[in-house]
Amino acid sequence: MDLFPKGDFPKGQICEYIGMNAYRSSSAEMRESDRQMSSILNEHREAAEVHRTARKYLRTIAQPGELMIDIVEKLEDKVVAPSP
């Protein structure tokens, strides 16, 4: 995406493990497992950013009384179109 060219998407809120899951922050094995999942998490963050951008665009084009098929086609054209 042109908004994040290096692929560093926002991580959102990160919370420490508490209660029964507190062992995850001190266990080296679990930290390594979390590190290996970072690429999958980054893909999810990218998808979330695409979703956020599409919703923001949808709010600008959706008007009362407009046919849903017309709105969806405009949204599809925007999402599928290559970035300028």
N, C-alpha and C. Protein backbone atom coordinates (compact mmCIF):
# COMPACT_ATOMS: atom_id res chain seq x y z
N MET A 1 0.84 -1.17 0.00
CA MET A 1 0.00 0.00 0.00
C MET A 1 0.88 1.24 0.00
N ASP A 2 0.42 2.27 -0.65
CA ASP A 2 1.21 3.48 -0.74
C ASP A 2 1.27 4.22 0.60
N LEU A 3 0.36 3.94 1.51
CA LEU A 3 0.37 4.59 2.81
C LEU A 3 1.50 4.06 3.70
N PHE A 4 1.82 2.78 3.55
CA PHE A 4 2.89 2.14 4.31
C PHE A 4 3.80 1.40 3.33
N PRO A 5 4.67 2.11 2.60
CA PRO A 5 5.46 1.47 1.56
C PRO A 5 6.44 0.40 2.06
N LYS A 6 6.91 0.51 3.29
CA LYS A 6 7.86 -0.48 3.82
C LYS A 6 7.15 -1.70 4.40
N GLY A 7 5.83 -1.64 4.46
CA GLY A 7 5.08 -2.77 5.01
C GLY A 7 5.01 -2.77 6.52
N ASP A 8 5.36 -1.65 7.17
CA ASP A 8 5.28 -1.54 8.62
C ASP A 8 3.90 -1.00 8.99
N PHE A 9 2.95 -1.90 9.18
CA PHE A 9 1.58 -1.50 9.47
C PHE A 9 1.43 -1.26 10.97
N PRO A 10 0.49 -0.41 11.36
CA PRO A 10 0.29 -0.12 12.78
C PRO A 10 -0.04 -1.38 13.56
N LYS A 11 0.52 -1.51 14.74
CA LYS A 11 0.32 -2.71 15.54
C LYS A 11 -0.91 -2.64 16.42
N GLY A 12 -1.47 -1.47 16.62
CA GLY A 12 -2.64 -1.37 17.48
C GLY A 12 -2.25 -1.50 18.94
N GLN A 13 -3.21 -1.83 19.78
CA GLN A 13 -2.97 -1.93 21.21
C GLN A 13 -2.32 -3.26 21.54
N ILE A 14 -1.23 -3.22 22.29
CA ILE A 14 -0.54 -4.43 22.72
C ILE A 14 -0.62 -4.49 24.24
N CYS A 15 -1.15 -5.57 24.75
CA CYS A 15 -1.35 -5.73 26.20
C CYS A 15 -0.47 -6.86 26.71
N GLU A 16 -0.04 -6.72 27.96
CA GLU A 16 0.73 -7.78 28.61
C GLU A 16 -0.21 -8.92 28.98
N TYR A 17 0.33 -10.13 28.99
CA TYR A 17 -0.45 -11.28 29.42
C TYR A 17 -0.65 -11.20 30.93
N ILE A 18 -1.84 -11.58 31.39
CA ILE A 18 -2.12 -11.57 32.83
C ILE A 18 -2.79 -12.88 33.21
N GLY A 19 -2.82 -13.13 34.49
CA GLY A 19 -3.50 -14.32 35.00
C GLY A 19 -2.83 -15.61 34.56
N MET A 20 -3.63 -16.53 34.07
CA MET A 20 -3.11 -17.85 33.69
C MET A 20 -2.20 -17.79 32.47
N ASN A 21 -2.27 -16.73 31.66
CA ASN A 21 -1.43 -16.62 30.48
C ASN A 21 -0.14 -15.84 30.72
N ALA A 22 0.14 -15.47 31.96
CA ALA A 22 1.33 -14.69 32.26
C ALA A 22 2.62 -15.44 31.92
N TYR A 23 2.58 -16.77 31.90
CA TYR A 23 3.76 -17.56 31.57
C TYR A 23 4.28 -17.28 30.16
N ARG A 24 3.41 -16.79 29.28
CA ARG A 24 3.81 -16.57 27.89
C ARG A 24 4.85 -15.47 27.76
N SER A 25 4.84 -14.50 28.64
CA SER A 25 5.79 -13.40 28.51
C SER A 25 7.16 -13.77 29.08
N SER A 26 7.22 -14.81 29.89
CA SER A 26 8.51 -15.19 30.46
C SER A 26 9.08 -16.46 29.82
N SER A 27 8.28 -17.18 29.11
CA SER A 27 8.73 -18.41 28.48
C SER A 27 9.42 -18.11 27.15
N ALA A 28 10.68 -18.45 27.04
CA ALA A 28 11.44 -18.19 25.81
C ALA A 28 10.82 -18.93 24.63
N GLU A 29 10.31 -20.09 24.87
CA GLU A 29 9.69 -20.88 23.80
C GLU A 29 8.46 -20.18 23.24
N MET A 30 7.63 -19.64 24.10
CA MET A 30 6.43 -18.95 23.65
C MET A 30 6.77 -17.63 22.96
N ARG A 31 7.80 -16.93 23.45
CA ARG A 31 8.22 -15.69 22.79
C ARG A 31 8.71 -15.99 21.38
N GLU A 32 9.42 -17.08 21.19
CA GLU A 32 9.91 -17.47 19.87
C GLU A 32 8.73 -17.83 18.96
N SER A 33 7.75 -18.52 19.50
CA SER A 33 6.56 -18.85 18.73
C SER A 33 5.83 -17.58 18.28
N ASP A 34 5.73 -16.60 19.17
CA ASP A 34 5.10 -15.34 18.83
C ASP A 34 5.90 -14.60 17.76
N ARG A 35 7.21 -14.68 17.83
CA ARG A 35 8.06 -14.01 16.84
C ARG A 35 7.86 -14.63 15.46
N GLN A 36 7.72 -15.94 15.41
CA GLN A 36 7.51 -16.61 14.14
C GLN A 36 6.14 -16.28 13.54
N MET A 37 5.20 -15.92 14.36
CA MET A 37 3.86 -15.56 13.88
C MET A 37 3.81 -14.12 13.40
N SER A 38 4.90 -13.38 13.54
CA SER A 38 4.87 -11.95 13.21
C SER A 38 4.54 -11.70 11.74
N SER A 39 4.99 -12.56 10.83
CA SER A 39 4.68 -12.35 9.41
C SER A 39 3.19 -12.55 9.14
N ILE A 40 2.60 -13.52 9.82
CA ILE A 40 1.16 -13.74 9.68
C ILE A 40 0.40 -12.56 10.25
N LEU A 41 0.85 -12.07 11.40
CA LEU A 41 0.19 -10.92 12.01
C LEU A 41 0.31 -9.69 11.13
N ASN A 42 1.45 -9.52 10.46
CA ASN A 42 1.63 -8.38 9.58
C ASN A 42 0.65 -8.46 8.39
N GLU A 43 0.41 -9.65 7.88
CA GLU A 43 -0.58 -9.82 6.80
C GLU A 43 -1.98 -9.44 7.29
N HIS A 44 -2.28 -9.79 8.52
CA HIS A 44 -3.58 -9.42 9.09
C HIS A 44 -3.68 -7.92 9.28
N ARG A 45 -2.57 -7.30 9.68
CA ARG A 45 -2.57 -5.85 9.84
C ARG A 45 -2.77 -5.16 8.50
N GLU A 46 -2.17 -5.70 7.44
CA GLU A 46 -2.35 -5.14 6.10
C GLU A 46 -3.82 -5.25 5.68
N ALA A 47 -4.42 -6.41 5.93
CA ALA A 47 -5.83 -6.60 5.58
C ALA A 47 -6.71 -5.63 6.37
N ALA A 48 -6.38 -5.41 7.62
CA ALA A 48 -7.15 -4.46 8.44
C ALA A 48 -7.02 -3.05 7.88
N GLU A 49 -5.84 -2.69 7.40
CA GLU A 49 -5.64 -1.36 6.83
C GLU A 49 -6.43 -1.20 5.53
N VAL A 50 -6.46 -2.23 4.70
CA VAL A 50 -7.26 -2.19 3.47
C VAL A 50 -8.73 -2.04 3.82
N HIS A 51 -9.18 -2.78 4.82
CA HIS A 51 -10.57 -2.70 5.26
C HIS A 51 -10.90 -1.30 5.76
N ARG A 52 -10.02 -0.72 6.57
CA ARG A 52 -10.24 0.62 7.10
C ARG A 52 -10.33 1.65 5.97
N THR A 53 -9.43 1.54 5.00
CA THR A 53 -9.42 2.46 3.87
C THR A 53 -10.68 2.31 3.02
N ALA A 54 -11.10 1.07 2.80
CA ALA A 54 -12.31 0.82 2.00
C ALA A 54 -13.55 1.39 2.70
N ARG A 55 -13.64 1.22 4.01
CA ARG A 55 -14.78 1.77 4.76
C ARG A 55 -14.80 3.29 4.70
N LYS A 56 -13.61 3.89 4.80
CA LYS A 56 -13.52 5.35 4.74
C LYS A 56 -13.99 5.84 3.38
N TYR A 57 -13.60 5.18 2.31
CA TYR A 57 -14.02 5.54 0.96
C TYR A 57 -15.52 5.32 0.79
N LEU A 58 -16.02 4.22 1.32
CA LEU A 58 -17.44 3.89 1.19
C LEU A 58 -18.31 4.97 1.81
N ARG A 59 -17.87 5.53 2.92
CA ARG A 59 -18.64 6.59 3.56
C ARG A 59 -18.76 7.83 2.68
N THR A 60 -17.81 8.04 1.78
CA THR A 60 -17.86 9.22 0.92
C THR A 60 -18.74 9.00 -0.30
N ILE A 61 -18.94 7.75 -0.73
CA ILE A 61 -19.71 7.50 -1.95
C ILE A 61 -21.14 7.05 -1.70
N ALA A 62 -21.44 6.51 -0.52
CA ALA A 62 -22.78 6.00 -0.23
C ALA A 62 -23.73 7.16 0.04
N GLN A 63 -24.81 7.20 -0.72
CA GLN A 63 -25.84 8.23 -0.58
C GLN A 63 -27.20 7.56 -0.46
N PRO A 64 -28.10 8.14 0.34
CA PRO A 64 -29.45 7.56 0.46
C PRO A 64 -30.13 7.52 -0.90
N GLY A 65 -30.80 6.43 -1.18
CA GLY A 65 -31.54 6.27 -2.42
C GLY A 65 -30.72 5.68 -3.56
N GLU A 66 -29.42 5.58 -3.40
CA GLU A 66 -28.58 5.02 -4.45
C GLU A 66 -28.68 3.49 -4.41
N LEU A 67 -28.66 2.89 -5.58
CA LEU A 67 -28.75 1.43 -5.64
C LEU A 67 -27.50 0.80 -5.04
N MET A 68 -27.70 -0.28 -4.28
CA MET A 68 -26.59 -0.96 -3.62
C MET A 68 -25.59 -1.48 -4.65
N ILE A 69 -26.07 -1.96 -5.80
CA ILE A 69 -25.16 -2.50 -6.81
C ILE A 69 -24.24 -1.41 -7.35
N ASP A 70 -24.74 -0.18 -7.47
CA ASP A 70 -23.90 0.92 -7.94
C ASP A 70 -22.83 1.26 -6.90
N ILE A 71 -23.20 1.26 -5.64
CA ILE A 71 -22.24 1.54 -4.57
C ILE A 71 -21.16 0.46 -4.54
N VAL A 72 -21.57 -0.78 -4.63
CA VAL A 72 -20.63 -1.90 -4.58
C VAL A 72 -19.68 -1.88 -5.78
N GLU A 73 -20.19 -1.55 -6.96
CA GLU A 73 -19.32 -1.48 -8.14
C GLU A 73 -18.29 -0.36 -8.02
N LYS A 74 -18.70 0.78 -7.48
CA LYS A 74 -17.74 1.87 -7.25
C LYS A 74 -16.67 1.46 -6.25
N LEU A 75 -17.10 0.81 -5.17
CA LEU A 75 -16.16 0.34 -4.15
C LEU A 75 -15.20 -0.69 -4.73
N GLU A 76 -15.72 -1.62 -5.51
CA GLU A 76 -14.89 -2.65 -6.13
C GLU A 76 -13.87 -2.03 -7.08
N ASP A 77 -14.29 -1.05 -7.87
CA ASP A 77 -13.36 -0.39 -8.78
C ASP A 77 -12.23 0.30 -8.02
N LYS A 78 -12.56 0.88 -6.90
CA LYS A 78 -11.55 1.58 -6.09
C LYS A 78 -10.58 0.59 -5.44
N VAL A 79 -11.09 -0.49 -4.90
CA VAL A 79 -10.25 -1.45 -4.20
C VAL A 79 -9.35 -2.21 -5.16
N VAL A 80 -9.88 -2.58 -6.32
CA VAL A 80 -9.12 -3.38 -7.28
C VAL A 80 -8.16 -2.51 -8.09
N ALA A 81 -8.44 -1.21 -8.22
CA ALA A 81 -7.60 -0.32 -9.02
C ALA A 81 -6.19 -0.23 -8.44
N PRO A 82 -5.17 -0.24 -9.30
CA PRO A 82 -3.81 -0.10 -8.80
C PRO A 82 -3.59 1.29 -8.20
N SER A 83 -2.72 1.35 -7.22
CA SER A 83 -2.42 2.63 -6.57
C SER A 83 -1.72 3.56 -7.53
N PRO A 84 -2.05 4.88 -7.49
CA PRO A 84 -1.39 5.82 -8.41
C PRO A 84 0.05 6.08 -8.05
